[in-house]
Amino acid sequence: MRLYYKRHIDANEKKPEEREGMEVRRITPPLFSSLRNFLWGTYTCLTGGFHYEYQLWRGDKMVSKDELVTRIPNFRFIPKDGLHLGPGLTPKEERGKGYHRYLQAHVLASHPGRDIYTGVVDNNVASIRCVEKNGFEVFAKGIKNKWGFYIITEKI
């Protein structure tokens, strides 16, 4: 079971205070680096959308990353102008330091006026805390079917 969160980003959303020694980078993942990047990249090119990877660097080490993509077919519940945030990753040795929350807040503030959606596996307590601290609210529960589509089973 998964929990789905939604957040509307206000036009006056402020980026978090800069952290010394930290740098946020936005890249477009290389099209041929993985099958998923190829599929998302091709789809977003054909539909005029985008697929970005935001990375948080501390010196010469990436300490967290998160992806942001325009609506894609397997998330049918996201409106046409909505964005999908995730998947995100923080290496084990960097967890518990607030890096992912900081990066996520930066990503959210970079897209004012948009609705952003994310999904979290319901036993991932750290991710649930992170998205809720960044203002996301749960709006549905659902499952991933055998074809990879995310289906809402319960509206909240």
C-alpha atoms as a PDB file:
ATOM      1  CA  MET A   1       0.000   0.000   0.000  1.00  0.00           C
ATOM      2  CA  ARG A   2       1.186   3.503  -0.745  1.00  0.00           C
ATOM      3  CA  LEU A   3       0.181   6.902   0.576  1.00  0.00           C
ATOM      4  CA  TYR A   4      -0.144   9.759  -1.894  1.00  0.00           C
ATOM      5  CA  TYR A   5       0.528  13.320  -0.872  1.00  0.00           C
ATOM      6  CA  LYS A   6      -0.369  16.587  -2.553  1.00  0.00           C
ATOM      7  CA  ARG A   7       0.884  20.095  -2.008  1.00  0.00           C
ATOM      8  CA  HIS A   8       0.042  23.341  -3.775  1.00  0.00           C
ATOM      9  CA  ILE A   9       3.050  25.624  -4.009  1.00  0.00           C
ATOM     10  CA  ASP A  10       2.150  29.270  -3.388  1.00  0.00           C
ATOM     11  CA  ALA A  11       3.665  31.935  -5.614  1.00  0.00           C
ATOM     12  CA  ASN A  12       5.386  33.496  -2.575  1.00  0.00           C
ATOM     13  CA  GLU A  13       7.050  30.231  -1.459  1.00  0.00           C
ATOM     14  CA  LYS A  14      10.532  31.031  -0.149  1.00  0.00           C
ATOM     15  CA  LYS A  15      13.579  28.882  -0.685  1.00  0.00           C
ATOM     16  CA  PRO A  16      15.156  27.596   2.525  1.00  0.00           C
ATOM     17  CA  GLU A  17      18.070  29.468   4.042  1.00  0.00           C
ATOM     18  CA  GLU A  18      21.341  28.569   2.356  1.00  0.00           C
ATOM     19  CA  ARG A  19      23.450  26.071   4.289  1.00  0.00           C
ATOM     20  CA  GLU A  20      27.164  26.712   4.350  1.00  0.00           C
ATOM     21  CA  GLY A  21      29.095  24.240   2.218  1.00  0.00           C
ATOM     22  CA  MET A  22      25.916  22.935   0.549  1.00  0.00           C
ATOM     23  CA  GLU A  23      25.023  23.321  -3.121  1.00  0.00           C
ATOM     24  CA  VAL A  24      21.807  22.351  -4.921  1.00  0.00           C
ATOM     25  CA  ARG A  25      22.252  21.296  -8.538  1.00  0.00           C
ATOM     26  CA  ARG A  26      19.535  20.667 -11.097  1.00  0.00           C
ATOM     27  CA  ILE A  27      20.384  18.350 -13.963  1.00  0.00           C
ATOM     28  CA  THR A  28      18.469  16.619 -16.714  1.00  0.00           C
ATOM     29  CA  PRO A  29      19.290  12.917 -16.336  1.00  0.00           C
ATOM     30  CA  PRO A  30      21.151  11.529 -19.374  1.00  0.00           C
ATOM     31  CA  LEU A  31      18.619   9.915 -21.701  1.00  0.00           C
ATOM     32  CA  PHE A  32      20.549   6.670 -22.123  1.00  0.00           C
ATOM     33  CA  SER A  33      21.699   6.220 -18.504  1.00  0.00           C
ATOM     34  CA  SER A  34      18.825   3.840 -17.670  1.00  0.00           C
ATOM     35  CA  LEU A  35      15.631   2.492 -19.188  1.00  0.00           C
ATOM     36  CA  ARG A  36      13.542   4.605 -16.795  1.00  0.00           C
ATOM     37  CA  ASN A  37      15.411   7.783 -17.724  1.00  0.00           C
ATOM     38  CA  PHE A  38      15.000   6.913 -21.404  1.00  0.00           C
ATOM     39  CA  LEU A  39      11.236   6.381 -21.039  1.00  0.00           C
ATOM     40  CA  TRP A  40      10.625   9.453 -18.872  1.00  0.00           C
ATOM     41  CA  GLY A  41      12.942  11.602 -20.993  1.00  0.00           C
ATOM     42  CA  THR A  42      11.322  10.516 -24.268  1.00  0.00           C
ATOM     43  CA  TYR A  43       7.811  11.007 -22.910  1.00  0.00           C
ATOM     44  CA  THR A  44       8.544  14.465 -21.528  1.00  0.00           C
ATOM     45  CA  CYS A  45      10.247  15.519 -24.779  1.00  0.00           C
ATOM     46  CA  LEU A  46       7.213  14.411 -26.803  1.00  0.00           C
ATOM     47  CA  THR A  47       4.750  16.149 -24.485  1.00  0.00           C
ATOM     48  CA  GLY A  48       6.724  19.339 -23.867  1.00  0.00           C
ATOM     49  CA  GLY A  49       7.369  18.434 -20.228  1.00  0.00           C
ATOM     50  CA  PHE A  50      10.558  18.012 -18.229  1.00  0.00           C
ATOM     51  CA  HIS A  51      12.428  15.486 -16.108  1.00  0.00           C
ATOM     52  CA  TYR A  52      14.916  16.956 -13.624  1.00  0.00           C
ATOM     53  CA  GLU A  53      17.101  15.456 -10.958  1.00  0.00           C
ATOM     54  CA  TYR A  54      17.884  17.783  -8.064  1.00  0.00           C
ATOM     55  CA  GLN A  55      21.041  16.944  -6.176  1.00  0.00           C
ATOM     56  CA  LEU A  56      22.333  18.261  -2.866  1.00  0.00           C
ATOM     57  CA  TRP A  57      26.119  18.367  -2.644  1.00  0.00           C
ATOM     58  CA  ARG A  58      28.260  18.867   0.457  1.00  0.00           C
ATOM     59  CA  GLY A  59      31.683  19.658  -0.916  1.00  0.00           C
ATOM     60  CA  ASP A  60      32.487  16.953  -3.452  1.00  0.00           C
ATOM     61  CA  LYS A  61      29.905  14.433  -2.175  1.00  0.00           C
ATOM     62  CA  MET A  62      26.254  14.133  -3.197  1.00  0.00           C
ATOM     63  CA  VAL A  63      24.278  13.710   0.047  1.00  0.00           C
ATOM     64  CA  SER A  64      20.710  13.592  -1.304  1.00  0.00           C
ATOM     65  CA  LYS A  65      18.788  13.607  -4.560  1.00  0.00           C
ATOM     66  CA  ASP A  66      15.193  13.805  -5.728  1.00  0.00           C
ATOM     67  CA  GLU A  67      13.518  13.736  -9.124  1.00  0.00           C
ATOM     68  CA  LEU A  68      10.802  16.020 -10.441  1.00  0.00           C
ATOM     69  CA  VAL A  69       8.850  15.213 -13.583  1.00  0.00           C
ATOM     70  CA  THR A  70       5.743  16.471 -15.315  1.00  0.00           C
ATOM     71  CA  ARG A  71       2.719  14.199 -15.267  1.00  0.00           C
ATOM     72  CA  ILE A  72       3.545  10.736 -16.601  1.00  0.00           C
ATOM     73  CA  PRO A  73       1.139   8.002 -17.746  1.00  0.00           C
ATOM     74  CA  ASN A  74       1.547   5.632 -14.801  1.00  0.00           C
ATOM     75  CA  PHE A  75       0.395   8.363 -12.372  1.00  0.00           C
ATOM     76  CA  ARG A  76      -3.019   8.945 -13.927  1.00  0.00           C
ATOM     77  CA  PHE A  77      -4.379  10.661 -10.826  1.00  0.00           C
ATOM     78  CA  ILE A  78      -2.060  13.663 -11.283  1.00  0.00           C
ATOM     79  CA  PRO A  79      -3.751  16.487 -13.238  1.00  0.00           C
ATOM     80  CA  LYS A  80      -2.233  17.535 -16.549  1.00  0.00           C
ATOM     81  CA  ASP A  81      -0.476  20.571 -15.040  1.00  0.00           C
ATOM     82  CA  GLY A  82       0.641  18.737 -11.870  1.00  0.00           C
ATOM     83  CA  LEU A  83       4.179  17.596 -11.099  1.00  0.00           C
ATOM     84  CA  HIS A  84       5.463  14.370  -9.555  1.00  0.00           C
ATOM     85  CA  LEU A  85       8.245  14.467  -6.965  1.00  0.00           C
ATOM     86  CA  GLY A  86      10.294  11.321  -6.467  1.00  0.00           C
ATOM     87  CA  PRO A  87      11.904   8.964  -6.163  1.00  0.00           C
ATOM     88  CA  GLY A  88      14.347  10.439  -3.703  1.00  0.00           C
ATOM     89  CA  LEU A  89      17.458   8.993  -2.133  1.00  0.00           C
ATOM     90  CA  THR A  90      19.816   9.824   0.705  1.00  0.00           C
ATOM     91  CA  PRO A  91      22.758   7.455   1.277  1.00  0.00           C
ATOM     92  CA  LYS A  92      22.539   5.529   4.569  1.00  0.00           C
ATOM     93  CA  GLU A  93      25.525   7.299   6.114  1.00  0.00           C
ATOM     94  CA  GLU A  94      23.916  10.718   5.447  1.00  0.00           C
ATOM     95  CA  ARG A  95      20.425   9.980   6.809  1.00  0.00           C
ATOM     96  CA  GLY A  96      19.012  11.773   9.842  1.00  0.00           C
ATOM     97  CA  LYS A  97      20.769  15.074   9.076  1.00  0.00           C
ATOM     98  CA  GLY A  98      17.838  16.838   7.381  1.00  0.00           C
ATOM     99  CA  TYR A  99      19.453  16.851   3.940  1.00  0.00           C
ATOM    100  CA  HIS A 100      16.502  15.406   2.052  1.00  0.00           C
ATOM    101  CA  ARG A 101      14.012  17.726   3.743  1.00  0.00           C
ATOM    102  CA  TYR A 102      16.214  20.709   2.848  1.00  0.00           C
ATOM    103  CA  LEU A 103      16.537  19.562  -0.774  1.00  0.00           C
ATOM    104  CA  GLN A 104      12.805  18.898  -1.064  1.00  0.00           C
ATOM    105  CA  ALA A 105      12.004  22.379   0.303  1.00  0.00           C
ATOM    106  CA  HIS A 106      14.336  23.875  -2.298  1.00  0.00           C
ATOM    107  CA  VAL A 107      12.647  21.912  -5.119  1.00  0.00           C
ATOM    108  CA  LEU A 108       9.178  22.951  -3.962  1.00  0.00           C
ATOM    109  CA  ALA A 109      10.098  26.642  -3.823  1.00  0.00           C
ATOM    110  CA  SER A 110      11.511  26.395  -7.362  1.00  0.00           C
ATOM    111  CA  HIS A 111       8.064  25.637  -8.841  1.00  0.00           C
ATOM    112  CA  PRO A 112       5.594  28.241  -7.546  1.00  0.00           C
ATOM    113  CA  GLY A 113       1.943  28.025  -8.520  1.00  0.00           C
ATOM    114  CA  ARG A 114       2.064  24.269  -9.174  1.00  0.00           C
ATOM    115  CA  ASP A 115       0.486  21.250  -7.532  1.00  0.00           C
ATOM    116  CA  ILE A 116       3.121  18.671  -6.648  1.00  0.00           C
ATOM    117  CA  TYR A 117       2.339  15.048  -5.849  1.00  0.00           C
ATOM    118  CA  THR A 118       4.450  12.324  -4.291  1.00  0.00           C
ATOM    119  CA  GLY A 119       3.955   8.753  -3.207  1.00  0.00           C
ATOM    120  CA  VAL A 120       5.407   7.081  -0.139  1.00  0.00           C
ATOM    121  CA  VAL A 121       5.344   3.445   0.870  1.00  0.00           C
ATOM    122  CA  ASP A 122       3.276   3.448   4.053  1.00  0.00           C
ATOM    123  CA  ASN A 123       5.970   1.794   6.219  1.00  0.00           C
ATOM    124  CA  ASN A 124       8.671   4.336   5.273  1.00  0.00           C
ATOM    125  CA  VAL A 125       8.412   6.476   8.402  1.00  0.00           C
ATOM    126  CA  ALA A 126      11.349   8.768   7.543  1.00  0.00           C
ATOM    127  CA  SER A 127       9.915   9.673   4.118  1.00  0.00           C
ATOM    128  CA  ILE A 128       6.453  10.251   5.565  1.00  0.00           C
ATOM    129  CA  ARG A 129       7.915  12.624   8.191  1.00  0.00           C
ATOM    130  CA  CYS A 130       9.923  14.431   5.520  1.00  0.00           C
ATOM    131  CA  VAL A 131       6.999  15.105   3.170  1.00  0.00           C
ATOM    132  CA  GLU A 132       4.676  16.077   6.019  1.00  0.00           C
ATOM    133  CA  LYS A 133       7.251  18.522   7.441  1.00  0.00           C
ATOM    134  CA  ASN A 134       7.439  20.086   3.974  1.00  0.00           C
ATOM    135  CA  GLY A 135       3.686  20.695   3.990  1.00  0.00           C
ATOM    136  CA  PHE A 136       2.387  17.753   1.967  1.00  0.00           C
ATOM    137  CA  GLU A 137      -0.968  16.319   2.992  1.00  0.00           C
ATOM    138  CA  VAL A 138      -2.159  12.786   2.349  1.00  0.00           C
ATOM    139  CA  PHE A 139      -5.088  12.723  -0.066  1.00  0.00           C
ATOM    140  CA  ALA A 140      -5.306   9.041  -1.023  1.00  0.00           C
ATOM    141  CA  LYS A 141      -4.055   5.499  -0.526  1.00  0.00           C
ATOM    142  CA  GLY A 142      -3.332   3.156  -3.367  1.00  0.00           C
ATOM    143  CA  ILE A 143      -1.423   0.309  -4.945  1.00  0.00           C
ATOM    144  CA  LYS A 144       0.901  -0.315  -7.851  1.00  0.00           C
ATOM    145  CA  ASN A 145      -0.609  -2.852 -10.249  1.00  0.00           C
ATOM    146  CA  LYS A 146       1.304  -5.527 -12.173  1.00  0.00           C
ATOM    147  CA  TRP A 147       1.692  -3.220 -15.211  1.00  0.00           C
ATOM    148  CA  GLY A 148       3.364  -0.500 -13.128  1.00  0.00           C
ATOM    149  CA  PHE A 149       0.377   1.854 -12.906  1.00  0.00           C
ATOM    150  CA  TYR A 150      -0.451   3.475  -9.586  1.00  0.00           C
ATOM    151  CA  ILE A 151      -4.114   3.096  -8.717  1.00  0.00           C
ATOM    152  CA  ILE A 152      -5.944   5.016  -6.000  1.00  0.00           C
ATOM    153  CA  THR A 153      -7.959   2.637  -3.855  1.00  0.00           C
ATOM    154  CA  GLU A 154      -9.145   5.086  -1.180  1.00  0.00           C
ATOM    155  CA  LYS A 155      -9.570   8.887  -1.154  1.00  0.00           C
ATOM    156  CA  ILE A 156      -8.944  10.538   2.201  1.00  0.00           C
END
